[in-house]
Amino acid sequence: MHKWLLSTLITVACAMGVYLMATGLPEKPKDEAAGLKEGQKLLKIVATSFNFDQEEYHVKAGTNYKIKFSNKLGNHGAEIVGLNVNLTKDAPEMEVTFDKPGNYEVHCSIMCGQGHAGMKSKFIVE
């Protein structure tokens, strides 16, 4: 009787293991830099509840960048004033070569609530 019980438990454990492996494994992370052109760099801007993920974004003048924008929380946009860059959930990617060194302001371009006016960051082209 013990042999029957042990073999049943092993069979159930194996079946649960196969089920968990088939349904519970996360996807492999995607290498976002793999799709870049030669010499191109990736810049990510992430918006959350009335904040950007960085206080300052630094880029090199004359270098081509692929900018990817995403919202973690809320409905936001990112506009870099003076550089003709405006990213939203409908247009989250853009390729840009920054030619003019200087300090620029990044602000939310979509009215997102009470904290909208303070949703700012700096963009520095070196």
C-alpha atoms as a PDB file:
ATOM      1  CA  MET A   1       0.000   0.000   0.000  1.00  0.00           C
ATOM      2  CA  HIS A   2       2.870   2.400   0.740  1.00  0.00           C
ATOM      3  CA  LYS A   3       4.319   1.836  -2.738  1.00  0.00           C
ATOM      4  CA  TRP A   4       0.993   2.827  -4.316  1.00  0.00           C
ATOM      5  CA  LEU A   5       0.772   5.991  -2.163  1.00  0.00           C
ATOM      6  CA  LEU A   6       4.361   7.023  -2.892  1.00  0.00           C
ATOM      7  CA  SER A   7       4.026   6.496  -6.638  1.00  0.00           C
ATOM      8  CA  THR A   8       0.764   8.517  -6.650  1.00  0.00           C
ATOM      9  CA  LEU A   9       2.414  11.428  -4.802  1.00  0.00           C
ATOM     10  CA  ILE A  10       5.370  11.431  -7.198  1.00  0.00           C
ATOM     11  CA  THR A  11       3.027  11.397 -10.214  1.00  0.00           C
ATOM     12  CA  VAL A  12       0.965  14.305  -8.812  1.00  0.00           C
ATOM     13  CA  ALA A  13       4.132  16.295  -8.012  1.00  0.00           C
ATOM     14  CA  CYS A  14       5.491  15.758 -11.534  1.00  0.00           C
ATOM     15  CA  ALA A  15       2.175  16.752 -13.109  1.00  0.00           C
ATOM     16  CA  MET A  16       2.055  19.949 -11.029  1.00  0.00           C
ATOM     17  CA  GLY A  17       5.660  20.727 -11.943  1.00  0.00           C
ATOM     18  CA  VAL A  18       4.925  20.384 -15.654  1.00  0.00           C
ATOM     19  CA  TYR A  19       1.798  22.549 -15.291  1.00  0.00           C
ATOM     20  CA  LEU A  20       3.675  25.302 -13.435  1.00  0.00           C
ATOM     21  CA  MET A  21       6.511  25.280 -15.943  1.00  0.00           C
ATOM     22  CA  ALA A  22       4.111  25.523 -18.867  1.00  0.00           C
ATOM     23  CA  THR A  23       1.947  28.324 -17.472  1.00  0.00           C
ATOM     24  CA  GLY A  24       3.961  30.179 -14.861  1.00  0.00           C
ATOM     25  CA  LEU A  25       7.234  31.024 -16.544  1.00  0.00           C
ATOM     26  CA  PRO A  26       7.750  34.701 -17.339  1.00  0.00           C
ATOM     27  CA  GLU A  27       8.826  35.805 -20.780  1.00  0.00           C
ATOM     28  CA  LYS A  28      12.501  36.333 -21.408  1.00  0.00           C
ATOM     29  CA  PRO A  29      13.484  39.990 -21.134  1.00  0.00           C
ATOM     30  CA  LYS A  30      13.819  41.691 -24.486  1.00  0.00           C
ATOM     31  CA  ASP A  31      17.099  43.345 -25.367  1.00  0.00           C
ATOM     32  CA  GLU A  32      15.920  46.790 -26.431  1.00  0.00           C
ATOM     33  CA  ALA A  33      19.382  47.802 -27.595  1.00  0.00           C
ATOM     34  CA  ALA A  34      19.390  44.997 -30.190  1.00  0.00           C
ATOM     35  CA  GLY A  35      17.152  46.986 -32.563  1.00  0.00           C
ATOM     36  CA  LEU A  36      19.344  50.084 -32.610  1.00  0.00           C
ATOM     37  CA  LYS A  37      21.228  51.295 -35.654  1.00  0.00           C
ATOM     38  CA  GLU A  38      25.008  51.373 -35.550  1.00  0.00           C
ATOM     39  CA  GLY A  39      26.189  54.266 -33.380  1.00  0.00           C
ATOM     40  CA  GLN A  40      22.672  54.931 -32.090  1.00  0.00           C
ATOM     41  CA  LYS A  41      21.972  55.087 -28.355  1.00  0.00           C
ATOM     42  CA  LEU A  42      18.818  54.337 -26.398  1.00  0.00           C
ATOM     43  CA  LEU A  43      17.230  56.850 -24.015  1.00  0.00           C
ATOM     44  CA  LYS A  44      14.258  55.790 -21.906  1.00  0.00           C
ATOM     45  CA  ILE A  45      11.882  58.283 -20.286  1.00  0.00           C
ATOM     46  CA  VAL A  46       9.395  56.791 -17.840  1.00  0.00           C
ATOM     47  CA  ALA A  47       6.512  58.777 -16.345  1.00  0.00           C
ATOM     48  CA  THR A  48       4.787  57.848 -13.115  1.00  0.00           C
ATOM     49  CA  SER A  49       2.346  59.669 -10.884  1.00  0.00           C
ATOM     50  CA  PHE A  50       3.404  63.306 -11.442  1.00  0.00           C
ATOM     51  CA  ASN A  51       7.119  62.458 -11.828  1.00  0.00           C
ATOM     52  CA  PHE A  52       9.644  61.415 -14.432  1.00  0.00           C
ATOM     53  CA  ASP A  53      12.020  58.573 -13.546  1.00  0.00           C
ATOM     54  CA  GLN A  54      15.068  60.897 -13.575  1.00  0.00           C
ATOM     55  CA  GLU A  55      15.581  64.460 -12.438  1.00  0.00           C
ATOM     56  CA  GLU A  56      18.089  65.005 -15.260  1.00  0.00           C
ATOM     57  CA  TYR A  57      18.593  63.314 -18.609  1.00  0.00           C
ATOM     58  CA  HIS A  58      22.061  63.678 -20.172  1.00  0.00           C
ATOM     59  CA  VAL A  59      22.752  63.165 -23.884  1.00  0.00           C
ATOM     60  CA  LYS A  60      25.721  63.889 -26.148  1.00  0.00           C
ATOM     61  CA  ALA A  61      25.385  66.463 -28.906  1.00  0.00           C
ATOM     62  CA  GLY A  62      25.712  65.008 -32.404  1.00  0.00           C
ATOM     63  CA  THR A  63      24.764  61.470 -31.323  1.00  0.00           C
ATOM     64  CA  ASN A  64      21.646  59.818 -32.720  1.00  0.00           C
ATOM     65  CA  TYR A  65      19.218  58.620 -30.026  1.00  0.00           C
ATOM     66  CA  LYS A  66      16.163  56.438 -30.083  1.00  0.00           C
ATOM     67  CA  ILE A  67      13.909  57.785 -27.328  1.00  0.00           C
ATOM     68  CA  LYS A  68      11.354  55.424 -25.806  1.00  0.00           C
ATOM     69  CA  PHE A  69       8.641  56.848 -23.581  1.00  0.00           C
ATOM     70  CA  SER A  70       6.377  54.874 -21.262  1.00  0.00           C
ATOM     71  CA  ASN A  71       3.797  55.472 -18.536  1.00  0.00           C
ATOM     72  CA  LYS A  72       4.017  53.390 -15.391  1.00  0.00           C
ATOM     73  CA  LEU A  73       1.149  55.115 -13.653  1.00  0.00           C
ATOM     74  CA  GLY A  74      -1.314  57.644 -15.028  1.00  0.00           C
ATOM     75  CA  ASN A  75      -1.706  59.222 -18.464  1.00  0.00           C
ATOM     76  CA  HIS A  76       1.263  61.441 -19.243  1.00  0.00           C
ATOM     77  CA  GLY A  77       3.333  62.788 -22.116  1.00  0.00           C
ATOM     78  CA  ALA A  78       6.895  64.106 -22.313  1.00  0.00           C
ATOM     79  CA  GLU A  79       7.727  67.294 -24.196  1.00  0.00           C
ATOM     80  CA  ILE A  80      11.291  68.593 -24.423  1.00  0.00           C
ATOM     81  CA  VAL A  81      10.812  72.321 -24.853  1.00  0.00           C
ATOM     82  CA  GLY A  82      12.940  73.842 -27.617  1.00  0.00           C
ATOM     83  CA  LEU A  83      13.958  70.540 -29.238  1.00  0.00           C
ATOM     84  CA  ASN A  84      10.709  69.639 -31.038  1.00  0.00           C
ATOM     85  CA  VAL A  85      10.270  66.395 -29.065  1.00  0.00           C
ATOM     86  CA  ASN A  86       6.815  65.373 -27.858  1.00  0.00           C
ATOM     87  CA  LEU A  87       6.180  61.776 -26.799  1.00  0.00           C
ATOM     88  CA  THR A  88       2.858  60.252 -25.742  1.00  0.00           C
ATOM     89  CA  LYS A  89       1.332  56.787 -25.373  1.00  0.00           C
ATOM     90  CA  ASP A  90       0.145  57.087 -28.998  1.00  0.00           C
ATOM     91  CA  ALA A  91       3.632  58.068 -30.250  1.00  0.00           C
ATOM     92  CA  PRO A  92       6.038  56.555 -27.682  1.00  0.00           C
ATOM     93  CA  GLU A  93       9.203  56.385 -29.823  1.00  0.00           C
ATOM     94  CA  MET A  94      11.256  58.898 -31.744  1.00  0.00           C
ATOM     95  CA  GLU A  95      14.693  59.066 -33.367  1.00  0.00           C
ATOM     96  CA  VAL A  96      16.526  62.335 -32.751  1.00  0.00           C
ATOM     97  CA  THR A  97      20.018  63.766 -33.163  1.00  0.00           C
ATOM     98  CA  PHE A  98      20.489  66.647 -30.725  1.00  0.00           C
ATOM     99  CA  ASP A  99      22.604  69.366 -32.347  1.00  0.00           C
ATOM    100  CA  LYS A 100      22.306  72.284 -29.931  1.00  0.00           C
ATOM    101  CA  PRO A 101      24.104  71.857 -26.574  1.00  0.00           C
ATOM    102  CA  GLY A 102      22.288  73.380 -23.632  1.00  0.00           C
ATOM    103  CA  ASN A 103      19.796  72.847 -20.835  1.00  0.00           C
ATOM    104  CA  TYR A 104      16.175  72.196 -21.727  1.00  0.00           C
ATOM    105  CA  GLU A 105      13.017  71.523 -19.756  1.00  0.00           C
ATOM    106  CA  VAL A 106      11.054  68.297 -19.936  1.00  0.00           C
ATOM    107  CA  HIS A 107       7.454  68.624 -18.840  1.00  0.00           C
ATOM    108  CA  CYS A 108       4.259  66.618 -19.045  1.00  0.00           C
ATOM    109  CA  SER A 109       2.376  67.495 -22.225  1.00  0.00           C
ATOM    110  CA  ILE A 110      -0.956  65.949 -21.170  1.00  0.00           C
ATOM    111  CA  MET A 111      -3.102  67.456 -18.414  1.00  0.00           C
ATOM    112  CA  CYS A 112      -2.819  64.700 -15.815  1.00  0.00           C
ATOM    113  CA  GLY A 113      -4.228  66.126 -12.588  1.00  0.00           C
ATOM    114  CA  GLN A 114      -3.278  68.308  -9.631  1.00  0.00           C
ATOM    115  CA  GLY A 115       0.455  67.553  -9.838  1.00  0.00           C
ATOM    116  CA  HIS A 116       0.680  68.351 -13.565  1.00  0.00           C
ATOM    117  CA  ALA A 117       2.299  71.779 -13.140  1.00  0.00           C
ATOM    118  CA  GLY A 118       5.160  70.338 -11.070  1.00  0.00           C
ATOM    119  CA  MET A 119       5.870  67.426 -13.388  1.00  0.00           C
ATOM    120  CA  LYS A 120       9.185  68.635 -14.775  1.00  0.00           C
ATOM    121  CA  SER A 121      12.705  67.396 -15.352  1.00  0.00           C
ATOM    122  CA  LYS A 122      15.909  68.724 -16.954  1.00  0.00           C
ATOM    123  CA  PHE A 123      17.295  67.638 -20.318  1.00  0.00           C
ATOM    124  CA  ILE A 124      20.986  68.407 -20.793  1.00  0.00           C
ATOM    125  CA  VAL A 125      22.676  68.195 -24.189  1.00  0.00           C
ATOM    126  CA  GLU A 126      26.450  68.131 -23.614  1.00  0.00           C
END
